[in-house]
Protein backbone atom coordinates (compact mmCIF):
# COMPACT_ATOMS: atom_id res chain seq x y z
CA MET A 1 12.89 -107.36 -80.40
CA THR A 2 12.89 -111.10 -81.02
CA ILE A 3 12.09 -113.31 -78.06
CA ASN A 4 13.93 -116.62 -78.09
CA SER A 5 14.28 -119.53 -75.70
CA ASN A 6 17.65 -119.64 -73.97
CA GLN A 7 17.57 -122.13 -71.14
CA ASN A 8 21.28 -121.83 -70.24
CA ASN A 9 21.32 -118.09 -69.53
CA THR A 10 17.91 -117.68 -67.93
CA PRO A 11 18.19 -115.22 -65.00
CA GLU A 12 17.32 -116.43 -61.52
CA PRO A 13 14.14 -115.08 -59.88
CA ILE A 14 14.56 -112.56 -57.09
CA HIS A 15 11.51 -114.04 -55.40
CA ARG A 16 9.79 -117.41 -55.65
CA GLY A 17 6.33 -117.39 -54.13
CA LYS A 18 3.76 -120.12 -53.75
CA VAL A 19 2.67 -119.69 -57.34
CA ARG A 20 4.58 -116.74 -58.85
CA ASP A 21 8.25 -116.28 -59.72
CA THR A 22 9.45 -112.68 -59.96
CA TYR A 23 12.46 -111.50 -61.98
CA ASP A 24 14.00 -108.03 -61.77
CA ILE A 25 14.58 -106.93 -65.37
CA GLY A 26 15.89 -103.52 -64.42
CA ASN A 27 14.99 -99.87 -64.90
CA GLY A 28 11.96 -100.16 -62.61
CA TYR A 29 10.41 -103.23 -64.26
CA LEU A 30 9.72 -106.79 -63.12
CA LEU A 31 8.77 -109.94 -64.99
CA MET A 32 6.13 -111.65 -62.85
CA VAL A 33 5.54 -115.23 -63.96
CA ALA A 34 2.50 -117.25 -62.93
CA SER A 35 3.68 -120.85 -62.72
CA ASP A 36 1.57 -123.98 -63.11
CA ARG A 37 2.04 -124.71 -59.41
CA ILE A 38 -1.08 -124.78 -57.28
CA SER A 39 -1.38 -124.10 -53.56
CA ALA A 40 -4.14 -124.92 -51.13
CA TYR A 41 -4.40 -124.01 -47.47
CA ASP A 42 -1.10 -122.12 -47.93
CA VAL A 43 0.77 -125.26 -49.00
CA VAL A 44 2.22 -125.70 -52.50
CA LEU A 45 1.10 -129.07 -53.81
CA PRO A 46 3.52 -131.41 -55.63
CA THR A 47 1.24 -131.68 -58.70
CA ILE A 48 1.02 -128.93 -61.34
CA ILE A 49 -2.06 -127.86 -63.32
CA PRO A 50 -0.92 -127.53 -66.96
CA TYR A 51 -1.60 -124.12 -68.61
CA LYS A 52 -2.76 -122.65 -65.29
CA GLY A 53 -0.08 -119.97 -65.28
CA LEU A 54 -1.02 -118.80 -68.76
CA ILE A 55 -4.70 -118.63 -67.83
CA LEU A 56 -3.95 -116.63 -64.68
CA SER A 57 -1.81 -114.08 -66.50
CA LYS A 58 -4.27 -113.61 -69.36
CA LEU A 59 -7.23 -113.29 -66.98
CA SER A 60 -5.31 -110.81 -64.82
CA GLU A 61 -4.52 -108.81 -67.97
CA TYR A 62 -8.24 -108.73 -68.80
CA TRP A 63 -9.20 -107.38 -65.37
CA PHE A 64 -6.30 -104.93 -65.12
CA ASN A 65 -7.33 -103.47 -68.48
CA ASN A 66 -10.98 -103.29 -67.44
CA THR A 67 -10.48 -101.72 -64.01
CA ASN A 68 -7.82 -99.11 -64.77
CA HIS A 69 -10.56 -96.45 -64.69
CA LEU A 70 -10.92 -97.21 -60.97
CA ILE A 71 -7.25 -97.26 -59.93
CA PRO A 72 -3.84 -97.41 -61.64
CA ASN A 73 -2.26 -100.87 -61.88
CA HIS A 74 1.26 -102.16 -62.44
CA LEU A 75 0.71 -103.99 -65.75
CA ILE A 76 2.73 -102.99 -68.82
CA CYS A 77 1.94 -106.02 -70.99
CA LEU A 78 2.12 -109.80 -71.14
CA GLY A 79 5.62 -111.20 -71.40
CA ASP A 80 5.27 -112.38 -74.99
CA ASN A 81 3.84 -109.11 -76.35
CA GLU A 82 6.81 -108.13 -78.50
CA ALA A 83 5.21 -104.94 -79.83
CA GLU A 84 4.68 -103.47 -76.35
CA ILE A 85 7.96 -104.80 -74.93
CA SER A 86 9.85 -103.05 -77.73
CA LYS A 87 8.58 -99.71 -76.37
CA ILE A 88 10.19 -100.08 -72.93
CA ASN A 89 13.82 -100.11 -71.87
CA THR A 90 14.72 -103.04 -69.62
CA ALA A 91 18.24 -103.66 -68.38
CA VAL A 92 17.84 -107.44 -68.72
CA PRO A 93 16.95 -108.52 -72.29
CA LEU A 94 13.77 -110.57 -72.30
CA ASP A 95 15.17 -112.84 -75.00
CA LEU A 96 17.16 -114.47 -72.19
CA PHE A 97 13.91 -116.05 -70.99
CA PRO A 98 12.47 -119.20 -72.58
CA THR A 99 9.16 -118.77 -74.38
CA GLU A 100 7.42 -121.02 -71.86
CA ILE A 101 8.35 -118.53 -69.11
CA LEU A 102 7.50 -115.38 -71.05
CA SER A 103 4.13 -116.71 -72.19
CA LYS A 104 3.04 -117.07 -68.56
CA GLY A 105 4.52 -113.75 -67.44
CA MET A 106 3.52 -110.12 -67.09
CA VAL A 107 5.92 -107.21 -67.44
CA VAL A 108 4.99 -104.85 -64.62
CA LYS A 109 6.17 -101.70 -62.90
CA LYS A 110 8.13 -102.29 -59.72
CA ALA A 111 6.15 -101.23 -56.64
CA ASN A 112 6.75 -100.82 -52.94
CA ARG A 113 4.33 -103.50 -51.79
CA ILE A 114 1.91 -102.93 -48.93
CA ASP A 115 2.14 -106.12 -46.88
CA ILE A 116 -1.59 -106.68 -46.49
CA GLU A 117 -3.86 -109.15 -48.29
CA CYS A 118 -6.93 -107.08 -49.10
CA VAL A 119 -9.73 -109.65 -48.94
CA VAL A 120 -13.32 -108.77 -49.79
CA ARG A 121 -16.25 -111.15 -49.36
CA GLY A 122 -19.65 -110.86 -50.99
CA TYR A 123 -21.03 -114.18 -49.75
CA ILE A 124 -20.62 -116.26 -46.61
CA THR A 125 -18.49 -119.29 -47.39
CA GLY A 126 -15.17 -120.89 -46.53
CA SER A 127 -13.51 -119.69 -43.33
CA ALA A 128 -16.17 -116.97 -42.95
CA TRP A 129 -18.89 -119.62 -42.80
CA SER A 130 -16.88 -121.68 -40.31
CA GLU A 131 -16.46 -118.68 -38.01
CA TYR A 132 -20.12 -117.70 -38.33
CA GLN A 133 -21.28 -121.17 -37.33
CA LYS A 134 -19.22 -120.97 -34.15
CA THR A 135 -19.68 -117.34 -33.08
CA GLY A 136 -22.20 -115.62 -35.35
CA THR A 137 -19.43 -113.29 -36.50
CA VAL A 138 -17.17 -112.86 -39.55
CA SER A 139 -13.74 -111.38 -38.82
CA GLY A 140 -15.11 -110.52 -35.40
CA VAL A 141 -18.04 -108.50 -36.81
CA LYS A 142 -21.55 -109.59 -35.76
CA MET A 143 -23.60 -110.87 -38.71
CA PRO A 144 -27.38 -111.22 -39.12
CA SER A 145 -28.79 -114.37 -37.52
CA GLY A 146 -30.12 -117.23 -39.63
CA MET A 147 -27.67 -116.93 -42.52
CA LYS A 148 -27.18 -120.02 -44.69
CA GLU A 149 -23.93 -121.12 -46.32
CA GLY A 150 -23.57 -119.19 -49.58
CA ASP A 151 -25.92 -116.34 -48.60
CA PRO A 152 -24.88 -112.86 -49.74
CA PHE A 153 -23.81 -110.39 -47.09
CA PRO A 154 -25.91 -107.23 -46.80
CA GLU A 155 -22.90 -105.49 -48.35
CA PRO A 156 -19.39 -106.68 -49.27
CA LEU A 157 -17.13 -107.23 -46.26
CA PHE A 158 -13.49 -106.11 -46.15
CA THR A 159 -11.61 -108.78 -44.18
CA PRO A 160 -7.85 -108.09 -44.56
CA THR A 161 -5.13 -110.53 -43.55
CA THR A 162 -1.39 -110.47 -43.11
CA LYS A 163 0.77 -111.20 -46.15
CA ALA A 164 2.72 -114.27 -45.06
CA GLU A 165 5.70 -115.44 -47.11
CA THR A 166 5.37 -118.90 -45.56
CA GLY A 167 2.63 -120.52 -43.54
CA HIS A 168 -0.83 -119.11 -43.01
CA ASP A 169 -2.07 -115.56 -43.50
CA LEU A 170 -3.66 -114.23 -40.29
CA PRO A 171 -6.78 -112.05 -39.97
CA MET A 172 -6.25 -108.34 -39.30
CA SER A 173 -8.65 -105.90 -37.70
CA MET A 174 -9.09 -102.47 -39.23
CA ASP A 175 -7.35 -101.04 -36.18
CA GLU A 176 -4.32 -103.22 -37.01
CA VAL A 177 -4.43 -102.09 -40.64
CA ARG A 178 -4.56 -98.46 -39.54
CA GLU A 179 -1.66 -99.01 -37.20
CA MET A 180 0.38 -100.47 -40.06
CA VAL A 181 -0.39 -97.99 -42.85
CA GLY A 182 -2.23 -95.06 -41.23
CA SER A 183 -5.94 -94.26 -41.11
CA GLU A 184 -6.14 -92.52 -44.49
CA MET A 185 -4.45 -95.37 -46.37
CA ALA A 186 -6.44 -98.03 -44.48
CA ASP A 187 -9.72 -96.39 -45.45
CA LYS A 188 -8.53 -96.04 -49.03
CA LEU A 189 -7.56 -99.71 -49.25
CA GLN A 190 -10.97 -100.74 -47.96
CA ALA A 191 -12.82 -98.44 -50.34
CA VAL A 192 -10.92 -99.31 -53.51
CA THR A 193 -10.88 -103.06 -52.79
CA THR A 194 -14.64 -103.02 -52.34
CA GLU A 195 -15.13 -100.87 -55.45
CA ILE A 196 -13.07 -103.20 -57.67
CA TYR A 197 -14.81 -106.27 -56.24
CA THR A 198 -18.26 -104.78 -56.84
CA TYR A 199 -17.35 -103.88 -60.43
CA ALA A 200 -15.93 -107.36 -61.17
CA HIS A 201 -18.84 -109.08 -59.42
CA ASP A 202 -21.44 -107.21 -61.45
CA GLU A 203 -19.58 -107.70 -64.75
CA SER A 204 -19.10 -111.43 -64.10
CA GLU A 205 -22.67 -112.03 -62.98
CA ILE A 206 -23.89 -110.89 -66.37
CA LYS A 207 -21.76 -113.68 -67.85
CA GLY A 208 -23.08 -116.36 -65.51
CA ILE A 209 -20.34 -116.34 -62.87
CA ILE A 210 -20.68 -115.16 -59.28
CA VAL A 211 -17.45 -113.84 -57.77
CA ALA A 212 -18.08 -114.87 -54.17
CA ASP A 213 -14.89 -113.37 -52.76
CA THR A 214 -11.43 -112.32 -53.83
CA LYS A 215 -8.16 -110.93 -52.56
CA MET A 216 -6.03 -108.10 -53.92
CA GLU A 217 -2.63 -106.60 -53.30
CA PHE A 218 -1.50 -103.00 -53.57
CA GLY A 219 1.74 -101.09 -53.68
CA ILE A 220 3.06 -97.61 -54.25
CA VAL A 221 4.33 -96.66 -57.71
CA GLU A 222 5.51 -93.07 -58.28
CA SER A 223 3.80 -92.01 -55.03
CA LYS A 224 0.42 -93.41 -56.16
CA LEU A 225 -1.57 -96.29 -54.70
CA THR A 226 -1.39 -98.98 -57.38
CA LEU A 227 -3.07 -102.36 -57.85
CA ILE A 228 -0.45 -105.13 -58.21
CA ASP A 229 0.04 -108.91 -58.34
CA GLU A 230 -2.94 -110.75 -59.92
CA LEU A 231 -6.59 -109.77 -60.21
CA ILE A 232 -9.88 -111.72 -60.04
CA THR A 233 -8.44 -115.10 -61.05
CA PRO A 234 -9.47 -118.64 -60.04
CA ASP A 235 -6.43 -118.66 -57.73
CA SER A 236 -7.34 -115.47 -55.87
CA SER A 237 -11.14 -115.73 -55.97
CA ARG A 238 -14.11 -118.04 -55.59
CA PHE A 239 -16.07 -118.33 -58.83
CA TRP A 240 -19.54 -119.89 -58.65
CA ASP A 241 -21.89 -120.93 -61.45
CA LYS A 242 -24.82 -118.50 -61.26
CA ALA A 243 -27.17 -121.02 -62.91
CA LEU A 244 -26.50 -123.55 -60.13
CA TYR A 245 -26.28 -121.09 -57.23
CA SER A 246 -28.40 -122.21 -54.29
CA PRO A 247 -27.67 -121.06 -50.72
CA GLY A 248 -27.59 -123.67 -48.00
CA LYS A 249 -24.75 -125.80 -49.33
CA SER A 250 -21.32 -125.69 -50.94
CA GLN A 251 -21.59 -124.14 -54.41
CA PRO A 252 -20.31 -125.61 -57.70
CA SER A 253 -17.22 -123.58 -58.55
CA PHE A 254 -14.77 -122.70 -61.33
CA ASP A 255 -11.78 -122.21 -59.06
CA LYS A 256 -9.42 -124.28 -56.94
CA GLN A 257 -12.19 -125.04 -54.44
CA TYR A 258 -12.52 -128.30 -56.39
CA VAL A 259 -8.95 -129.11 -55.31
CA ARG A 260 -9.63 -127.99 -51.73
CA ASP A 261 -12.70 -130.24 -51.56
CA TRP A 262 -10.72 -133.26 -52.77
CA LEU A 263 -7.95 -132.52 -50.28
CA THR A 264 -10.48 -132.32 -47.43
CA GLU A 265 -12.06 -135.62 -48.44
CA SER A 266 -8.61 -137.22 -48.70
CA GLY A 267 -8.04 -136.68 -44.98
CA TRP A 268 -4.97 -134.50 -45.44
CA ASP A 269 -4.14 -132.51 -42.29
CA ARG A 270 -3.31 -129.31 -44.24
CA GLU A 271 0.33 -129.47 -43.21
CA PRO A 272 3.19 -129.86 -45.70
CA PRO A 273 3.92 -131.85 -47.70
CA GLY A 274 0.66 -131.93 -49.63
CA PRO A 275 -0.52 -135.06 -51.44
CA GLU A 276 -0.24 -135.70 -55.18
CA LEU A 277 -3.43 -134.89 -57.08
CA PRO A 278 -5.05 -137.64 -59.19
CA ASP A 279 -5.18 -137.06 -62.96
CA GLU A 280 -8.95 -136.63 -62.91
CA ILE A 281 -8.69 -133.82 -60.34
CA VAL A 282 -6.00 -132.10 -62.43
CA ASN A 283 -8.07 -132.37 -65.61
CA GLU A 284 -11.31 -131.23 -63.97
CA THR A 285 -9.54 -128.27 -62.37
CA LEU A 286 -8.04 -127.21 -65.70
CA GLU A 287 -11.44 -127.46 -67.39
CA ARG A 288 -12.95 -125.21 -64.72
CA TYR A 289 -10.18 -122.62 -65.11
CA ILE A 290 -10.65 -122.60 -68.88
CA GLU A 291 -14.42 -122.23 -68.61
CA ALA A 292 -14.03 -119.34 -66.18
CA TYR A 293 -11.62 -117.63 -68.57
CA GLU A 294 -13.91 -118.12 -71.56
CA ARG A 295 -17.05 -116.93 -69.78
CA ILE A 296 -15.47 -113.84 -68.26
CA THR A 297 -13.44 -112.68 -71.27
CA GLY A 298 -15.80 -113.88 -74.00
CA THR A 299 -12.70 -115.33 -75.70
CA SER A 300 -12.29 -118.94 -76.78
CA TRP A 301 -9.36 -120.78 -75.23
CA SER A 302 -7.14 -122.44 -77.82
């Protein structure tokens, strides 16, 4: 199968998210494209980060391939992998999509999504740190006294949220998760999210990156719980430099925290529309994404 650009006949996405555009290509398959858009505080910013979508898809591919011994995932192949695409039967020919879309896309199995953001935290930072300073709790759970910003938790914390299409995701208690999906599934989501996080954390730490926290999504494919969406990327995780890690302050990062920090300093009220990002912030963010990719995968970015 030859993949060509064809701007005029490109199908319309069935869903446009904050970052990803999803196309139904038929016969139980989707093309999930990571755009170069960037969101912060649940607002899509007007400035893109060039190559970000490609980095996200390739890093997700790396983690999907390296965690499929823990749980099945929805990935078939990257959108420009002609050899693998030729083995599947899609109703919509992928040569209708321009190369710039396919290169940032993943061909995946269609899943019945579970509408929960499965967040797991290994270290106290971000909104968890803000809550702890006020109440001594994280997601309503009492934490040890005397913790400093950036300290590791005694064990990873599962802090699920709602999956909001617009606006802000809201914290969920385990009782609320059980009410939504049942006790057995709730316990399974907590266990597998924590297991994947622990695996990725330990693998990344060897390579000089601390995965401070991350979020995952799951769905049901052929009656099996399946990992979907993206996995352990700079958009869904906090990546810290292990060599510079020092609790008691904000940590140098390889993710979009750099953008969040600039937005905070800019005085933006976190309500749409977001401000344009300066060129230096765009370039620094891209460099951090590339370095994270290279460290984690051991592959040079070209």
